[in-house]
Amino acid sequence: AIPKFNNNSTSIPITLCGNTSFNKLDSILSTFDGDSQQRIEWTVRRTARGRVNGLPAQRLLPGNQSVQPTNASYTPPAGFTGLDTLFVQVSDGLSTDSLFIAFNVLPQPALNGITGATSACVGEQKEFSTVGTRQGVWAFKNWSTNDATLATIDQNGVLRAKKSGTATVRFDIADPNGCAQFAQQTITVFPIPAKPSISREFGATELKANITTGIQWFDAGVRIQNATKQEFTPGKHGRYSVTQTLNGCTSAPSDEFLFVETSFAYPNPARDVLNIQLPSDKQKMAIVQIADISWRVLMEKEVQLNKGQTLVQFNILNLSKGIYRLIIKTENNEYKQFAKE
């Protein structure tokens, strides 16, 4: 018997897109030969521009039925469009049959990539756009992410970061011929740092944040230049706050810390007159007391504090030499000590 291709044609036209392979050559090259236990061989007699896999191939005829090669495929050259041809011959060693295959390779949609941020903060929005996409009639176009729990993107290319992690942003297009193209880019979503806090040790002149990196200090919401260390010494009364920035993501500001300069007494040790400088952020009343080491009050003055600095003086000439306590009573009591010489 003479081997014959089952498609009953000497020429087969095939249309495919330039970025795809044709993986159905096996069925197109299906051959019938009535003989049994005869070896059938398919060979390429005219090489196409593209790559042909799986040929030449051989199969043993089981008898009175069709056989075909296994895993035969065609892949067009990169960037190629137009007509590409392939001439295949099948033989049983005595007789042959031939088949001409014409591949019409269509251009794939023009898409050179997408552009957009490579990182975002939780809750932040980022815009993405395509690169090198020609205007045209698209049968399909779509923005998507691989994990909607991390980030979502609308069809205008606006991404919304939802949870920390790494997501993939993808853009797909297809033309009316069904030729498709896609581009993708990864984006890392970072968490927002926790809201920091500020503390101040009793009697200290500096404020201290509970964080060690990414620090920025503010006074009444205004950024303080070069104030980026954990400890900060204010130069005046103010309402101070701090933020932390990690991976480009900034925390909510800490609660404002009302800083009032501490009072100080001089000279120390003192001999006859003790000067006490009392700072205040507003006008208010204060009680200033001098007590002995056992907290027994020896002298006391009620004073009106002005906004800024108020000087209070005590005549301590009659006090014995030793260590004394200074008590300043306002809404926040303050305690110091001095020496009498």
C-alpha atoms as a PDB file:
ATOM      1  CA  ALA A   1       0.000   0.000   0.000  1.00  0.00           C
ATOM      2  CA  ILE A   2       1.015   3.595  -0.551  1.00  0.00           C
ATOM      3  CA  PRO A   3       1.281   5.881   2.523  1.00  0.00           C
ATOM      4  CA  LYS A   4      -1.114   8.832   2.288  1.00  0.00           C
ATOM      5  CA  PHE A   5      -1.585  11.909   4.460  1.00  0.00           C
ATOM      6  CA  ASN A   6      -5.077  11.800   5.964  1.00  0.00           C
ATOM      7  CA  ASN A   7      -5.897  15.446   5.244  1.00  0.00           C
ATOM      8  CA  ASN A   8      -6.460  14.622   1.541  1.00  0.00           C
ATOM      9  CA  SER A   9      -4.707  17.797   0.458  1.00  0.00           C
ATOM     10  CA  THR A  10      -1.313  18.664  -0.914  1.00  0.00           C
ATOM     11  CA  SER A  11      -1.261  22.089   0.743  1.00  0.00           C
ATOM     12  CA  ILE A  12      -2.342  23.181   4.230  1.00  0.00           C
ATOM     13  CA  PRO A  13      -2.608  26.877   5.225  1.00  0.00           C
ATOM     14  CA  ILE A  14      -2.082  27.651   8.917  1.00  0.00           C
ATOM     15  CA  THR A  15      -2.411  31.031  10.582  1.00  0.00           C
ATOM     16  CA  LEU A  16      -0.669  31.716  13.881  1.00  0.00           C
ATOM     17  CA  CYS A  17       0.651  34.621  15.901  1.00  0.00           C
ATOM     18  CA  GLY A  18       4.286  35.584  15.917  1.00  0.00           C
ATOM     19  CA  ASN A  19       4.811  34.928  19.598  1.00  0.00           C
ATOM     20  CA  THR A  20       3.357  31.409  19.620  1.00  0.00           C
ATOM     21  CA  SER A  21       4.298  27.911  18.492  1.00  0.00           C
ATOM     22  CA  PHE A  22       2.122  25.597  16.444  1.00  0.00           C
ATOM     23  CA  ASN A  23       1.910  22.315  18.352  1.00  0.00           C
ATOM     24  CA  LYS A  24      -0.584  20.412  16.172  1.00  0.00           C
ATOM     25  CA  LEU A  25       1.747  19.149  13.454  1.00  0.00           C
ATOM     26  CA  ASP A  26       1.229  15.597  14.726  1.00  0.00           C
ATOM     27  CA  SER A  27      -2.416  15.494  13.656  1.00  0.00           C
ATOM     28  CA  ILE A  28      -1.754  17.318  10.359  1.00  0.00           C
ATOM     29  CA  LEU A  29       0.938  14.755   9.475  1.00  0.00           C
ATOM     30  CA  SER A  30      -1.302  11.798  10.364  1.00  0.00           C
ATOM     31  CA  THR A  31      -0.732   9.073   7.723  1.00  0.00           C
ATOM     32  CA  PHE A  32      -2.595   5.927   6.637  1.00  0.00           C
ATOM     33  CA  ASP A  33      -0.935   2.867   5.117  1.00  0.00           C
ATOM     34  CA  GLY A  34      -2.690  -0.472   4.760  1.00  0.00           C
ATOM     35  CA  ASP A  35       0.498  -2.474   5.241  1.00  0.00           C
ATOM     36  CA  SER A  36       1.440  -4.009   8.583  1.00  0.00           C
ATOM     37  CA  GLN A  37       4.737  -3.940  10.450  1.00  0.00           C
ATOM     38  CA  GLN A  38       6.191  -1.457   8.009  1.00  0.00           C
ATOM     39  CA  ARG A  39       8.225   1.536   9.157  1.00  0.00           C
ATOM     40  CA  ILE A  40       6.857   4.977   8.265  1.00  0.00           C
ATOM     41  CA  GLU A  41       9.196   7.972   8.241  1.00  0.00           C
ATOM     42  CA  TRP A  42       8.396  11.688   8.036  1.00  0.00           C
ATOM     43  CA  THR A  43      11.153  14.017   6.849  1.00  0.00           C
ATOM     44  CA  VAL A  44      11.469  17.736   6.126  1.00  0.00           C
ATOM     45  CA  ARG A  45      12.377  18.244   2.472  1.00  0.00           C
ATOM     46  CA  ARG A  46      12.282  22.033   2.519  1.00  0.00           C
ATOM     47  CA  THR A  47      13.275  23.759   5.729  1.00  0.00           C
ATOM     48  CA  ALA A  48      11.152  26.629   7.000  1.00  0.00           C
ATOM     49  CA  ARG A  49      12.604  29.848   8.370  1.00  0.00           C
ATOM     50  CA  GLY A  50      11.280  28.876  11.755  1.00  0.00           C
ATOM     51  CA  ARG A  51      12.281  25.962  13.964  1.00  0.00           C
ATOM     52  CA  VAL A  52      10.737  22.522  13.408  1.00  0.00           C
ATOM     53  CA  ASN A  53      10.888  20.110  16.328  1.00  0.00           C
ATOM     54  CA  GLY A  54      10.132  16.385  16.311  1.00  0.00           C
ATOM     55  CA  LEU A  55      11.098  15.734  12.661  1.00  0.00           C
ATOM     56  CA  PRO A  56      12.392  13.527  11.149  1.00  0.00           C
ATOM     57  CA  ALA A  57      10.353  10.860  12.947  1.00  0.00           C
ATOM     58  CA  GLN A  58       9.638   7.144  12.501  1.00  0.00           C
ATOM     59  CA  ARG A  59       6.726   4.936  13.544  1.00  0.00           C
ATOM     60  CA  LEU A  60       6.007   1.239  13.024  1.00  0.00           C
ATOM     61  CA  LEU A  61       2.710   0.551  11.247  1.00  0.00           C
ATOM     62  CA  PRO A  62       0.416  -1.631  13.383  1.00  0.00           C
ATOM     63  CA  GLY A  63      -1.554  -2.471  10.263  1.00  0.00           C
ATOM     64  CA  ASN A  64      -4.549  -0.968   8.494  1.00  0.00           C
ATOM     65  CA  GLN A  65      -4.728   2.165  10.626  1.00  0.00           C
ATOM     66  CA  SER A  66      -3.307   5.691  10.859  1.00  0.00           C
ATOM     67  CA  VAL A  67      -0.099   6.704  12.585  1.00  0.00           C
ATOM     68  CA  GLN A  68       1.441  10.098  13.273  1.00  0.00           C
ATOM     69  CA  PRO A  69       4.678  11.543  14.648  1.00  0.00           C
ATOM     70  CA  THR A  70       4.979  12.540  18.303  1.00  0.00           C
ATOM     71  CA  ASN A  71       5.563  16.087  19.601  1.00  0.00           C
ATOM     72  CA  ALA A  72       6.143  17.668  16.190  1.00  0.00           C
ATOM     73  CA  SER A  73       5.876  21.468  16.317  1.00  0.00           C
ATOM     74  CA  TYR A  74       6.752  24.665  14.472  1.00  0.00           C
ATOM     75  CA  THR A  75       8.006  27.934  16.009  1.00  0.00           C
ATOM     76  CA  PRO A  76       8.419  31.061  13.842  1.00  0.00           C
ATOM     77  CA  PRO A  77      11.627  33.105  14.080  1.00  0.00           C
ATOM     78  CA  ALA A  78      11.670  35.839  16.711  1.00  0.00           C
ATOM     79  CA  GLY A  79      10.145  39.009  15.301  1.00  0.00           C
ATOM     80  CA  PHE A  80       9.155  37.339  12.019  1.00  0.00           C
ATOM     81  CA  THR A  81       5.846  38.074  10.279  1.00  0.00           C
ATOM     82  CA  GLY A  82       4.618  36.937   6.892  1.00  0.00           C
ATOM     83  CA  LEU A  83       4.559  33.627   5.007  1.00  0.00           C
ATOM     84  CA  ASP A  84       6.792  30.732   6.010  1.00  0.00           C
ATOM     85  CA  THR A  85       6.648  27.352   4.269  1.00  0.00           C
ATOM     86  CA  LEU A  86       7.407  23.774   5.187  1.00  0.00           C
ATOM     87  CA  PHE A  87       7.580  20.778   2.799  1.00  0.00           C
ATOM     88  CA  VAL A  88       7.176  17.373   4.501  1.00  0.00           C
ATOM     89  CA  GLN A  89       7.441  13.927   2.912  1.00  0.00           C
ATOM     90  CA  VAL A  90       6.233  10.626   4.337  1.00  0.00           C
ATOM     91  CA  SER A  91       7.658   7.301   3.133  1.00  0.00           C
ATOM     92  CA  ASP A  92       7.311   3.593   3.845  1.00  0.00           C
ATOM     93  CA  GLY A  93      10.602   2.891   2.078  1.00  0.00           C
ATOM     94  CA  LEU A  94       8.903   2.148  -1.243  1.00  0.00           C
ATOM     95  CA  SER A  95       6.369   4.909  -1.838  1.00  0.00           C
ATOM     96  CA  THR A  96       6.030   8.520  -0.692  1.00  0.00           C
ATOM     97  CA  ASP A  97       3.457  11.252  -0.196  1.00  0.00           C
ATOM     98  CA  SER A  98       4.178  14.958   0.161  1.00  0.00           C
ATOM     99  CA  LEU A  99       2.528  17.838   2.006  1.00  0.00           C
ATOM    100  CA  PHE A 100       3.133  21.567   1.649  1.00  0.00           C
ATOM    101  CA  ILE A 101       2.371  23.594   4.820  1.00  0.00           C
ATOM    102  CA  ALA A 102       2.123  27.395   4.584  1.00  0.00           C
ATOM    103  CA  PHE A 103       2.386  29.266   7.881  1.00  0.00           C
ATOM    104  CA  ASN A 104       0.922  32.772   7.823  1.00  0.00           C
ATOM    105  CA  VAL A 105       2.644  34.393  10.808  1.00  0.00           C
ATOM    106  CA  LEU A 106       0.703  37.420  12.059  1.00  0.00           C
ATOM    107  CA  PRO A 107       2.358  40.261  13.966  1.00  0.00           C
ATOM    108  CA  GLN A 108       1.921  40.130  17.687  1.00  0.00           C
ATOM    109  CA  PRO A 109       0.525  43.225  19.428  1.00  0.00           C
ATOM    110  CA  ALA A 110       3.161  45.866  20.120  1.00  0.00           C
ATOM    111  CA  LEU A 111       3.868  45.963  23.844  1.00  0.00           C
ATOM    112  CA  ASN A 112       7.371  46.740  25.044  1.00  0.00           C
ATOM    113  CA  GLY A 113       6.560  46.576  28.741  1.00  0.00           C
ATOM    114  CA  ILE A 114       4.890  48.452  31.547  1.00  0.00           C
ATOM    115  CA  THR A 115       6.264  51.166  33.761  1.00  0.00           C
ATOM    116  CA  GLY A 116       5.411  52.042  37.322  1.00  0.00           C
ATOM    117  CA  ALA A 117       6.677  52.004  40.877  1.00  0.00           C
ATOM    118  CA  THR A 118       8.650  49.033  42.166  1.00  0.00           C
ATOM    119  CA  SER A 119       7.561  49.650  45.759  1.00  0.00           C
ATOM    120  CA  ALA A 120       4.591  51.066  47.624  1.00  0.00           C
ATOM    121  CA  CYS A 121       3.340  51.488  51.170  1.00  0.00           C
ATOM    122  CA  VAL A 122       0.234  49.806  52.535  1.00  0.00           C
ATOM    123  CA  GLY A 123      -2.730  52.044  51.714  1.00  0.00           C
ATOM    124  CA  GLU A 124      -0.851  53.910  48.979  1.00  0.00           C
ATOM    125  CA  GLN A 125      -1.889  54.264  45.319  1.00  0.00           C
ATOM    126  CA  LYS A 126       0.525  53.962  42.388  1.00  0.00           C
ATOM    127  CA  GLU A 127      -0.072  54.506  38.665  1.00  0.00           C
ATOM    128  CA  PHE A 128       1.133  52.096  35.968  1.00  0.00           C
ATOM    129  CA  SER A 129       1.215  52.605  32.209  1.00  0.00           C
ATOM    130  CA  THR A 130       2.198  50.613  29.142  1.00  0.00           C
ATOM    131  CA  VAL A 131       5.359  51.188  27.106  1.00  0.00           C
ATOM    132  CA  GLY A 132       5.395  51.078  23.299  1.00  0.00           C
ATOM    133  CA  THR A 133       1.760  50.050  22.830  1.00  0.00           C
ATOM    134  CA  ARG A 134       0.435  51.125  19.439  1.00  0.00           C
ATOM    135  CA  GLN A 135      -3.061  52.500  19.285  1.00  0.00           C
ATOM    136  CA  GLY A 136      -5.423  50.003  17.737  1.00  0.00           C
ATOM    137  CA  VAL A 137      -8.619  48.051  18.063  1.00  0.00           C
ATOM    138  CA  TRP A 138      -8.102  45.543  20.831  1.00  0.00           C
ATOM    139  CA  ALA A 139     -10.400  42.609  21.309  1.00  0.00           C
ATOM    140  CA  PHE A 140      -9.136  42.373  24.874  1.00  0.00           C
ATOM    141  CA  LYS A 141      -7.023  44.377  27.299  1.00  0.00           C
ATOM    142  CA  ASN A 142      -6.720  43.904  31.020  1.00  0.00           C
ATOM    143  CA  TRP A 143      -4.735  45.018  34.076  1.00  0.00           C
ATOM    144  CA  SER A 144      -4.396  42.487  36.892  1.00  0.00           C
ATOM    145  CA  THR A 145      -2.322  41.445  39.900  1.00  0.00           C
ATOM    146  CA  ASN A 146      -1.432  37.933  40.933  1.00  0.00           C
ATOM    147  CA  ASP A 147      -2.641  38.406  44.529  1.00  0.00           C
ATOM    148  CA  ALA A 148      -5.616  40.652  45.245  1.00  0.00           C
ATOM    149  CA  THR A 149      -4.975  40.405  48.995  1.00  0.00           C
ATOM    150  CA  LEU A 150      -1.681  42.283  48.505  1.00  0.00           C
ATOM    151  CA  ALA A 151      -2.676  44.763  45.805  1.00  0.00           C
ATOM    152  CA  THR A 152      -5.451  45.447  43.313  1.00  0.00           C
ATOM    153  CA  ILE A 153      -5.314  47.446  40.087  1.00  0.00           C
ATOM    154  CA  ASP A 154      -8.147  49.018  38.108  1.00  0.00           C
ATOM    155  CA  GLN A 155      -8.421  49.228  34.337  1.00  0.00           C
ATOM    156  CA  ASN A 156      -6.881  52.711  34.366  1.00  0.00           C
ATOM    157  CA  GLY A 157      -3.665  51.241  35.765  1.00  0.00           C
ATOM    158  CA  VAL A 158      -4.131  52.608  39.296  1.00  0.00           C
ATOM    159  CA  LEU A 159      -2.773  50.167  41.863  1.00  0.00           C
ATOM    160  CA  ARG A 160      -3.918  50.124  45.492  1.00  0.00           C
ATOM    161  CA  ALA A 161      -1.514  48.503  47.953  1.00  0.00           C
ATOM    162  CA  LYS A 162      -3.380  46.557  50.632  1.00  0.00           C
ATOM    163  CA  LYS A 163      -0.958  44.311  52.519  1.00  0.00           C
ATOM    164  CA  SER A 164       2.809  43.913  52.785  1.00  0.00           C
ATOM    165  CA  GLY A 165       4.447  41.432  50.416  1.00  0.00           C
ATOM    166  CA  THR A 166       5.542  41.151  46.774  1.00  0.00           C
ATOM    167  CA  ALA A 167       2.919  41.276  44.022  1.00  0.00           C
ATOM    168  CA  THR A 168       3.111  40.979  40.233  1.00  0.00           C
ATOM    169  CA  VAL A 169       1.370  43.577  38.071  1.00  0.00           C
ATOM    170  CA  ARG A 170       0.382  42.295  34.620  1.00  0.00           C
ATOM    171  CA  PHE A 171      -1.083  43.882  31.477  1.00  0.00           C
ATOM    172  CA  ASP A 172      -2.613  41.684  28.734  1.00  0.00           C
ATOM    173  CA  ILE A 173      -3.795  42.690  25.255  1.00  0.00           C
ATOM    174  CA  ALA A 174      -5.187  40.734  22.306  1.00  0.00           C
ATOM    175  CA  ASP A 175      -6.097  41.875  18.787  1.00  0.00           C
ATOM    176  CA  PRO A 176      -9.119  40.736  16.732  1.00  0.00           C
ATOM    177  CA  ASN A 177      -7.004  37.918  15.247  1.00  0.00           C
ATOM    178  CA  GLY A 178      -6.536  36.481  18.721  1.00  0.00           C
ATOM    179  CA  CYS A 179      -2.846  37.358  18.862  1.00  0.00           C
ATOM    180  CA  ALA A 180      -1.964  38.214  22.447  1.00  0.00           C
ATOM    181  CA  GLN A 181       0.874  39.839  24.322  1.00  0.00           C
ATOM    182  CA  PHE A 182       1.546  40.626  27.962  1.00  0.00           C
ATOM    183  CA  ALA A 183       4.028  42.459  30.146  1.00  0.00           C
ATOM    184  CA  GLN A 184       4.532  42.284  33.881  1.00  0.00           C
ATOM    185  CA  GLN A 185       6.458  43.893  36.716  1.00  0.00           C
ATOM    186  CA  THR A 186       6.872  43.108  40.398  1.00  0.00           C
ATOM    187  CA  ILE A 187       6.100  45.582  43.159  1.00  0.00           C
ATOM    188  CA  THR A 188       6.989  45.228  46.832  1.00  0.00           C
ATOM    189  CA  VAL A 189       4.433  46.500  49.327  1.00  0.00           C
ATOM    190  CA  PHE A 190       5.952  47.639  52.623  1.00  0.00           C
ATOM    191  CA  PRO A 191       4.076  48.059  55.919  1.00  0.00           C
ATOM    192  CA  ILE A 192       3.516  51.430  57.566  1.00  0.00           C
ATOM    193  CA  PRO A 193       5.702  51.683  60.703  1.00  0.00           C
ATOM    194  CA  ALA A 194       3.857  51.721  64.012  1.00  0.00           C
ATOM    195  CA  LYS A 195       3.054  55.067  65.592  1.00  0.00           C
ATOM    196  CA  PRO A 196       6.068  56.060  67.750  1.00  0.00           C
ATOM    197  CA  SER A 197       6.033  57.673  71.188  1.00  0.00           C
ATOM    198  CA  ILE A 198       8.110  60.230  73.118  1.00  0.00           C
ATOM    199  CA  SER A 199       9.312  60.138  76.712  1.00  0.00           C
ATOM    200  CA  ARG A 200      11.267  62.427  78.988  1.00  0.00           C
ATOM    201  CA  GLU A 201      13.112  61.398  82.114  1.00  0.00           C
ATOM    202  CA  PHE A 202      12.508  63.452  85.216  1.00  0.00           C
ATOM    203  CA  GLY A 203      14.671  66.548  85.188  1.00  0.00           C
ATOM    204  CA  ALA A 204      16.143  65.774  81.761  1.00  0.00           C
ATOM    205  CA  THR A 205      16.507  68.453  79.104  1.00  0.00           C
ATOM    206  CA  GLU A 206      16.149  66.068  76.158  1.00  0.00           C
ATOM    207  CA  LEU A 207      13.220  64.156  74.675  1.00  0.00           C
ATOM    208  CA  LYS A 208      13.612  60.517  73.648  1.00  0.00           C
ATOM    209  CA  ALA A 209      11.787  58.550  70.949  1.00  0.00           C
ATOM    210  CA  ASN A 210      11.059  54.841  71.368  1.00  0.00           C
ATOM    211  CA  ILE A 211      12.582  54.143  67.918  1.00  0.00           C
ATOM    212  CA  THR A 212      16.192  54.153  66.726  1.00  0.00           C
ATOM    213  CA  THR A 213      16.067  54.519  62.918  1.00  0.00           C
ATOM    214  CA  GLY A 214      14.218  56.565  60.306  1.00  0.00           C
ATOM    215  CA  ILE A 215      13.550  59.367  62.800  1.00  0.00           C
ATOM    216  CA  GLN A 216      12.273  62.880  62.098  1.00  0.00           C
ATOM    217  CA  TRP A 217      11.325  65.399  64.801  1.00  0.00           C
ATOM    218  CA  PHE A 218       8.653  68.102  64.399  1.00  0.00           C
ATOM    219  CA  ASP A 219       7.647  71.201  66.348  1.00  0.00           C
ATOM    220  CA  ALA A 220       3.916  71.929  66.089  1.00  0.00           C
ATOM    221  CA  GLY A 221       3.839  69.831  62.912  1.00  0.00           C
ATOM    222  CA  VAL A 222       6.755  71.666  61.269  1.00  0.00           C
ATOM    223  CA  ARG A 223       9.772  69.551  60.327  1.00  0.00           C
ATOM    224  CA  ILE A 224      12.915  70.382  62.320  1.00  0.00           C
ATOM    225  CA  GLN A 225      15.973  70.350  60.087  1.00  0.00           C
ATOM    226  CA  ASN A 226      18.662  67.766  60.951  1.00  0.00           C
ATOM    227  CA  ALA A 227      16.625  66.459  63.912  1.00  0.00           C
ATOM    228  CA  THR A 228      16.952  62.764  63.065  1.00  0.00           C
ATOM    229  CA  LYS A 229      18.402  61.130  66.183  1.00  0.00           C
ATOM    230  CA  GLN A 230      16.644  59.178  68.900  1.00  0.00           C
ATOM    231  CA  GLU A 231      17.269  61.891  71.482  1.00  0.00           C
ATOM    232  CA  PHE A 232      16.393  65.516  70.795  1.00  0.00           C
ATOM    233  CA  THR A 233      17.077  68.578  72.941  1.00  0.00           C
ATOM    234  CA  PRO A 234      14.514  71.321  72.309  1.00  0.00           C
ATOM    235  CA  GLY A 235      15.759  74.881  72.330  1.00  0.00           C
ATOM    236  CA  LYS A 236      12.435  76.343  73.413  1.00  0.00           C
ATOM    237  CA  HIS A 237       8.945  75.612  74.602  1.00  0.00           C
ATOM    238  CA  GLY A 238       6.978  73.672  72.028  1.00  0.00           C
ATOM    239  CA  ARG A 239       4.726  70.788  71.101  1.00  0.00           C
ATOM    240  CA  TYR A 240       7.070  68.150  69.722  1.00  0.00           C
ATOM    241  CA  SER A 241       6.294  64.989  67.776  1.00  0.00           C
ATOM    242  CA  VAL A 242       8.277  62.368  65.896  1.00  0.00           C
ATOM    243  CA  THR A 243       7.734  60.061  62.906  1.00  0.00           C
ATOM    244  CA  GLN A 244       9.523  56.996  61.587  1.00  0.00           C
ATOM    245  CA  THR A 245      10.202  56.334  57.895  1.00  0.00           C
ATOM    246  CA  LEU A 246      11.235  52.837  56.764  1.00  0.00           C
ATOM    247  CA  ASN A 247      11.451  51.719  53.115  1.00  0.00           C
ATOM    248  CA  GLY A 248       9.901  55.022  52.086  1.00  0.00           C
ATOM    249  CA  CYS A 249       6.843  54.482  54.308  1.00  0.00           C
ATOM    250  CA  THR A 250       6.179  57.011  57.076  1.00  0.00           C
ATOM    251  CA  SER A 251       4.313  56.327  60.286  1.00  0.00           C
ATOM    252  CA  ALA A 252       1.608  58.483  61.765  1.00  0.00           C
ATOM    253  CA  PRO A 253       3.170  61.171  63.992  1.00  0.00           C
ATOM    254  CA  SER A 254       3.477  60.449  67.681  1.00  0.00           C
ATOM    255  CA  ASP A 255       1.231  62.223  70.131  1.00  0.00           C
ATOM    256  CA  GLU A 256       2.530  65.746  70.669  1.00  0.00           C
ATOM    257  CA  PHE A 257       4.762  66.150  73.696  1.00  0.00           C
ATOM    258  CA  LEU A 258       4.428  69.515  75.439  1.00  0.00           C
ATOM    259  CA  PHE A 259       7.946  70.581  76.347  1.00  0.00           C
ATOM    260  CA  VAL A 260       8.492  73.239  78.982  1.00  0.00           C
ATOM    261  CA  GLU A 261      12.058  74.116  79.884  1.00  0.00           C
ATOM    262  CA  THR A 262      13.032  72.997  83.380  1.00  0.00           C
ATOM    263  CA  SER A 263      13.713  75.540  86.064  1.00  0.00           C
ATOM    264  CA  PHE A 264      17.218  76.013  87.389  1.00  0.00           C
ATOM    265  CA  ALA A 265      18.663  77.559  90.516  1.00  0.00           C
ATOM    266  CA  TYR A 266      21.919  79.510  90.746  1.00  0.00           C
ATOM    267  CA  PRO A 267      24.438  79.941  92.089  1.00  0.00           C
ATOM    268  CA  ASN A 268      24.771  76.417  93.358  1.00  0.00           C
ATOM    269  CA  PRO A 269      26.121  76.280  95.979  1.00  0.00           C
ATOM    270  CA  ALA A 270      24.593  79.592  97.120  1.00  0.00           C
ATOM    271  CA  ARG A 271      25.629  81.816 100.059  1.00  0.00           C
ATOM    272  CA  ASP A 272      23.094  84.622 100.551  1.00  0.00           C
ATOM    273  CA  VAL A 273      20.694  84.862  97.594  1.00  0.00           C
ATOM    274  CA  LEU A 274      19.288  81.928  95.607  1.00  0.00           C
ATOM    275  CA  ASN A 275      18.041  82.816  92.107  1.00  0.00           C
ATOM    276  CA  ILE A 276      15.453  80.524  90.555  1.00  0.00           C
ATOM    277  CA  GLN A 277      14.669  80.837  86.857  1.00  0.00           C
ATOM    278  CA  LEU A 278      11.185  79.473  86.120  1.00  0.00           C
ATOM    279  CA  PRO A 279      10.114  78.844  82.501  1.00  0.00           C
ATOM    280  CA  SER A 280       6.466  78.679  81.477  1.00  0.00           C
ATOM    281  CA  ASP A 281       4.520  78.372  78.239  1.00  0.00           C
ATOM    282  CA  LYS A 282       1.733  80.621  79.585  1.00  0.00           C
ATOM    283  CA  GLN A 283       0.762  82.852  82.491  1.00  0.00           C
ATOM    284  CA  LYS A 284      -0.061  80.873  85.619  1.00  0.00           C
ATOM    285  CA  MET A 285       0.416  80.739  89.377  1.00  0.00           C
ATOM    286  CA  ALA A 286       3.152  78.734  91.077  1.00  0.00           C
ATOM    287  CA  ILE A 287       4.240  78.025  94.637  1.00  0.00           C
ATOM    288  CA  VAL A 288       7.994  77.855  95.215  1.00  0.00           C
ATOM    289  CA  GLN A 289       9.227  76.265  98.450  1.00  0.00           C
ATOM    290  CA  ILE A 290      12.581  75.608 100.089  1.00  0.00           C
ATOM    291  CA  ALA A 291      12.634  72.550 102.341  1.00  0.00           C
ATOM    292  CA  ASP A 292      15.260  70.717 104.332  1.00  0.00           C
ATOM    293  CA  ILE A 293      16.439  67.233 103.495  1.00  0.00           C
ATOM    294  CA  SER A 294      13.460  65.810 105.441  1.00  0.00           C
ATOM    295  CA  TRP A 295      11.016  67.779 103.251  1.00  0.00           C
ATOM    296  CA  ARG A 296      10.139  70.218 106.054  1.00  0.00           C
ATOM    297  CA  VAL A 297       9.183  73.487 104.356  1.00  0.00           C
ATOM    298  CA  LEU A 298      11.326  76.390 105.574  1.00  0.00           C
ATOM    299  CA  MET A 299      10.486  79.144 103.068  1.00  0.00           C
ATOM    300  CA  GLU A 300       7.673  79.655 100.557  1.00  0.00           C
ATOM    301  CA  LYS A 301       6.576  82.128  97.877  1.00  0.00           C
ATOM    302  CA  GLU A 302       3.496  82.278  95.664  1.00  0.00           C
ATOM    303  CA  VAL A 303       4.436  83.840  92.340  1.00  0.00           C
ATOM    304  CA  GLN A 304       2.802  84.800  89.065  1.00  0.00           C
ATOM    305  CA  LEU A 305       4.668  83.136  86.193  1.00  0.00           C
ATOM    306  CA  ASN A 306       4.782  84.939  82.883  1.00  0.00           C
ATOM    307  CA  LYS A 307       5.039  83.283  79.490  1.00  0.00           C
ATOM    308  CA  GLY A 308       8.742  82.732  78.978  1.00  0.00           C
ATOM    309  CA  GLN A 309      11.039  83.167  82.002  1.00  0.00           C
ATOM    310  CA  THR A 310      10.271  84.438  85.509  1.00  0.00           C
ATOM    311  CA  LEU A 311      12.989  85.116  88.092  1.00  0.00           C
ATOM    312  CA  VAL A 312      12.248  84.282  91.747  1.00  0.00           C
ATOM    313  CA  GLN A 313      14.761  85.108  94.500  1.00  0.00           C
ATOM    314  CA  PHE A 314      15.132  83.846  98.074  1.00  0.00           C
ATOM    315  CA  ASN A 315      17.330  85.381 100.792  1.00  0.00           C
ATOM    316  CA  ILE A 316      18.969  82.307 102.336  1.00  0.00           C
ATOM    317  CA  LEU A 317      21.605  84.084 104.430  1.00  0.00           C
ATOM    318  CA  ASN A 318      20.127  82.688 107.658  1.00  0.00           C
ATOM    319  CA  LEU A 319      19.998  79.082 106.447  1.00  0.00           C
ATOM    320  CA  SER A 320      22.582  76.699 107.851  1.00  0.00           C
ATOM    321  CA  LYS A 321      25.125  75.098 105.562  1.00  0.00           C
ATOM    322  CA  GLY A 322      23.898  71.904 103.945  1.00  0.00           C
ATOM    323  CA  ILE A 323      21.695  70.388 101.239  1.00  0.00           C
ATOM    324  CA  TYR A 324      18.181  71.761 100.688  1.00  0.00           C
ATOM    325  CA  ARG A 325      15.262  70.816  98.497  1.00  0.00           C
ATOM    326  CA  LEU A 326      13.583  73.162  96.044  1.00  0.00           C
ATOM    327  CA  ILE A 327       9.893  72.449  95.362  1.00  0.00           C
ATOM    328  CA  ILE A 328       8.073  74.118  92.460  1.00  0.00           C
ATOM    329  CA  LYS A 329       4.336  73.478  92.461  1.00  0.00           C
ATOM    330  CA  THR A 330       2.355  73.983  89.251  1.00  0.00           C
ATOM    331  CA  GLU A 331       0.123  71.545  87.340  1.00  0.00           C
ATOM    332  CA  ASN A 332       3.327  69.497  87.038  1.00  0.00           C
ATOM    333  CA  ASN A 333       5.340  69.563  90.248  1.00  0.00           C
ATOM    334  CA  GLU A 334       9.116  69.817  89.964  1.00  0.00           C
ATOM    335  CA  TYR A 335      11.768  68.963  92.534  1.00  0.00           C
ATOM    336  CA  LYS A 336      15.411  70.012  92.671  1.00  0.00           C
ATOM    337  CA  GLN A 337      18.086  70.464  95.300  1.00  0.00           C
ATOM    338  CA  PHE A 338      20.850  72.956  96.024  1.00  0.00           C
ATOM    339  CA  ALA A 339      23.650  73.472  98.508  1.00  0.00           C
ATOM    340  CA  LYS A 340      24.032  76.326 101.018  1.00  0.00           C
ATOM    341  CA  GLU A 341      27.621  77.237 101.838  1.00  0.00           C
END
